[in-house]
């Protein structure tokens, strides 16, 4: 049970990272008018 909880937390963490990356990309695109990859 604890193992599955850890896996779920890990995937939540990955999803949050992806969302943050996409938001930063979109924001940078809006500001600079072009794709700005980190």
PDB file of N, CA and C in Angstrom:
ATOM      1  N   UNK A   1       0.840  -1.204   0.000  1.00  0.00           N
ATOM      2  CA  UNK A   1       0.000   0.000   0.000  1.00  0.00           C
ATOM      3  C   UNK A   1       0.878   1.259   0.000  1.00  0.00           C
ATOM      4  N   UNK A   2       1.872   1.262   0.879  1.00  0.00           N
ATOM      5  CA  UNK A   2       2.796   2.387   0.946  1.00  0.00           C
ATOM      6  C   UNK A   2       3.555   2.547  -0.372  1.00  0.00           C
ATOM      7  N   UNK A   3       3.871   1.404  -0.986  1.00  0.00           N
ATOM      8  CA  UNK A   3       4.601   1.400  -2.255  1.00  0.00           C
ATOM      9  C   UNK A   3       3.809   2.119  -3.344  1.00  0.00           C
ATOM     10  N   UNK A   4       2.523   1.812  -3.420  1.00  0.00           N
ATOM     11  CA  UNK A   4       1.664   2.449  -4.434  1.00  0.00           C
ATOM     12  C   UNK A   4       1.527   3.944  -4.165  1.00  0.00           C
ATOM     13  N   UNK A   5       1.490   4.307  -2.899  1.00  0.00           N
ATOM     14  CA  UNK A   5       1.404   5.714  -2.533  1.00  0.00           C
ATOM     15  C   UNK A   5       2.648   6.462  -3.017  1.00  0.00           C
ATOM     16  N   UNK A   6       3.809   5.822  -2.864  1.00  0.00           N
ATOM     17  CA  UNK A   6       5.054   6.434  -3.331  1.00  0.00           C
ATOM     18  C   UNK A   6       5.039   6.605  -4.843  1.00  0.00           C
ATOM     19  N   UNK A   7       4.560   5.582  -5.553  1.00  0.00           N
ATOM     20  CA  UNK A   7       4.488   5.662  -7.017  1.00  0.00           C
ATOM     21  C   UNK A   7       3.541   6.776  -7.442  1.00  0.00           C
ATOM     22  N   UNK A   8       2.404   6.870  -6.775  1.00  0.00           N
ATOM     23  CA  UNK A   8       1.440   7.918  -7.100  1.00  0.00           C
ATOM     24  C   UNK A   8       2.050   9.302  -6.869  1.00  0.00           C
ATOM     25  N   UNK A   9       2.747   9.467  -5.747  1.00  0.00           N
ATOM     26  CA  UNK A   9       3.404  10.743  -5.454  1.00  0.00           C
ATOM     27  C   UNK A   9       4.435  11.076  -6.518  1.00  0.00           C
ATOM     28  N   UNK A  10       5.174  10.059  -6.963  1.00  0.00           N
ATOM     29  CA  UNK A  10       6.195  10.264  -7.983  1.00  0.00           C
ATOM     30  C   UNK A  10       5.572  10.753  -9.284  1.00  0.00           C
ATOM     31  N   UNK A  11       4.473  10.121  -9.689  1.00  0.00           N
ATOM     32  CA  UNK A  11       3.817  10.532 -10.934  1.00  0.00           C
ATOM     33  C   UNK A  11       3.169  11.908 -10.806  1.00  0.00           C
ATOM     34  N   UNK A  12       2.646  12.218  -9.634  1.00  0.00           N
ATOM     35  CA  UNK A  12       2.121  13.569  -9.386  1.00  0.00           C
ATOM     36  C   UNK A  12       3.240  14.589  -9.530  1.00  0.00           C
ATOM     37  N   UNK A  13       4.410  14.249  -8.988  1.00  0.00           N
ATOM     38  CA  UNK A  13       5.580  15.121  -9.071  1.00  0.00           C
ATOM     39  C   UNK A  13       5.980  15.338 -10.524  1.00  0.00           C
ATOM     40  N   UNK A  14       6.030  14.248 -11.299  1.00  0.00           N
ATOM     41  CA  UNK A  14       6.377  14.354 -12.721  1.00  0.00           C
ATOM     42  C   UNK A  14       5.380  15.223 -13.466  1.00  0.00           C
ATOM     43  N   UNK A  15       4.085  15.030 -13.176  1.00  0.00           N
ATOM     44  CA  UNK A  15       3.053  15.799 -13.860  1.00  0.00           C
ATOM     45  C   UNK A  15       3.189  17.283 -13.525  1.00  0.00           C
ATOM     46  N   UNK A  16       3.459  17.578 -12.260  1.00  0.00           N
ATOM     47  CA  UNK A  16       3.635  18.974 -11.855  1.00  0.00           C
ATOM     48  C   UNK A  16       4.821  19.599 -12.565  1.00  0.00           C
ATOM     49  N   UNK A  17       5.929  18.858 -12.680  1.00  0.00           N
ATOM     50  CA  UNK A  17       7.103  19.357 -13.395  1.00  0.00           C
ATOM     51  C   UNK A  17       6.749  19.670 -14.837  1.00  0.00           C
ATOM     52  N   UNK A  18       6.020  18.757 -15.476  1.00  0.00           N
ATOM     53  CA  UNK A  18       5.644  18.940 -16.878  1.00  0.00           C
ATOM     54  C   UNK A  18       4.761  20.166 -17.046  1.00  0.00           C
ATOM     55  N   UNK A  19       3.789  20.324 -16.147  1.00  0.00           N
ATOM     56  CA  UNK A  19       2.879  21.474 -16.206  1.00  0.00           C
ATOM     57  C   UNK A  19       3.658  22.778 -16.047  1.00  0.00           C
ATOM     58  N   UNK A  20       4.575  22.812 -15.082  1.00  0.00           N
ATOM     59  CA  UNK A  20       5.389  24.014 -14.855  1.00  0.00           C
ATOM     60  C   UNK A  20       6.220  24.323 -16.092  1.00  0.00           C
ATOM     61  N   UNK A  21       6.823  23.281 -16.695  1.00  0.00           N
ATOM     62  CA  UNK A  21       7.643  23.475 -17.893  1.00  0.00           C
ATOM     63  C   UNK A  21       6.815  24.049 -19.041  1.00  0.00           C
ATOM     64  N   UNK A  22       5.628  23.502 -19.242  1.00  0.00           N
ATOM     65  CA  UNK A  22       4.748  23.969 -20.323  1.00  0.00           C
ATOM     66  C   UNK A  22       4.333  25.418 -20.076  1.00  0.00           C
ATOM     67  N   UNK A  23       3.995  25.741 -18.835  1.00  0.00           N
ATOM     68  CA  UNK A  23       3.596  27.117 -18.505  1.00  0.00           C
ATOM     69  C   UNK A  23       4.752  28.081 -18.752  1.00  0.00           C
ATOM     70  N   UNK A  24       5.969  27.700 -18.336  1.00  0.00           N
ATOM     71  CA  UNK A  24       7.132  28.559 -18.558  1.00  0.00           C
ATOM     72  C   UNK A  24       7.390  28.734 -20.043  1.00  0.00           C
ATOM     73  N   UNK A  25       7.244  27.651 -20.808  1.00  0.00           N
ATOM     74  CA  UNK A  25       7.426  27.715 -22.258  1.00  0.00           C
ATOM     75  C   UNK A  25       6.416  28.659 -22.889  1.00  0.00           C
ATOM     76  N   UNK A  26       5.164  28.529 -22.488  1.00  0.00           N
ATOM     77  CA  UNK A  26       4.098  29.366 -23.033  1.00  0.00           C
ATOM     78  C   UNK A  26       4.327  30.825 -22.675  1.00  0.00           C
ATOM     79  N   UNK A  27       4.700  31.069 -21.429  1.00  0.00           N
ATOM     80  CA  UNK A  27       4.961  32.430 -20.963  1.00  0.00           C
ATOM     81  C   UNK A  27       6.122  33.047 -21.742  1.00  0.00           C
ATOM     82  N   UNK A  28       7.204  32.272 -21.918  1.00  0.00           N
ATOM     83  CA  UNK A  28       8.367  32.763 -22.664  1.00  0.00           C
ATOM     84  C   UNK A  28       7.998  33.042 -24.110  1.00  0.00           C
ATOM     85  N   UNK A  29       7.191  32.170 -24.698  1.00  0.00           N
ATOM     86  CA  UNK A  29       6.750  32.368 -26.078  1.00  0.00           C
ATOM     87  C   UNK A  29       5.952  33.656 -26.190  1.00  0.00           C
ATOM     88  N   UNK A  30       5.101  33.907 -25.213  1.00  0.00           N
ATOM     89  CA  UNK A  30       4.277  35.109 -25.200  1.00  0.00           C
ATOM     90  C   UNK A  30       5.155  36.359 -25.069  1.00  0.00           C
ATOM     91  N   UNK A  31       6.156  36.298 -24.204  1.00  0.00           N
ATOM     92  CA  UNK A  31       7.017  37.460 -23.952  1.00  0.00           C
ATOM     93  C   UNK A  31       7.958  37.719 -25.122  1.00  0.00           C
ATOM     94  N   UNK A  32       8.634  36.691 -25.589  1.00  0.00           N
ATOM     95  CA  UNK A  32       9.685  36.880 -26.593  1.00  0.00           C
ATOM     96  C   UNK A  32       9.196  36.685 -28.021  1.00  0.00           C
ATOM     97  N   UNK A  33       7.991  36.130 -28.163  1.00  0.00           N
ATOM     98  CA  UNK A  33       7.451  35.926 -29.498  1.00  0.00           C
ATOM     99  C   UNK A  33       8.070  34.744 -30.215  1.00  0.00           C
ATOM    100  N   UNK A  34       8.752  33.886 -29.485  1.00  0.00           N
ATOM    101  CA  UNK A  34       9.353  32.694 -30.085  1.00  0.00           C
ATOM    102  C   UNK A  34       9.536  31.645 -28.999  1.00  0.00           C
ATOM    103  N   UNK A  35       9.728  30.394 -29.442  1.00  0.00           N
ATOM    104  CA  UNK A  35       9.970  29.327 -28.480  1.00  0.00           C
ATOM    105  C   UNK A  35      11.292  29.586 -27.774  1.00  0.00           C
ATOM    106  N   UNK A  36      11.249  29.526 -26.455  1.00  0.00           N
ATOM    107  CA  UNK A  36      12.447  29.785 -25.660  1.00  0.00           C
ATOM    108  C   UNK A  36      12.661  28.588 -24.743  1.00  0.00           C
ATOM    109  N   UNK A  37      13.481  27.652 -25.200  1.00  0.00           N
ATOM    110  CA  UNK A  37      13.700  26.419 -24.443  1.00  0.00           C
ATOM    111  C   UNK A  37      14.783  26.610 -23.396  1.00  0.00           C
ATOM    112  N   UNK A  38      14.582  25.988 -22.249  1.00  0.00           N
ATOM    113  CA  UNK A  38      15.538  26.090 -21.155  1.00  0.00           C
ATOM    114  C   UNK A  38      16.664  25.096 -21.393  1.00  0.00           C
TER     115      UNK A  38
END
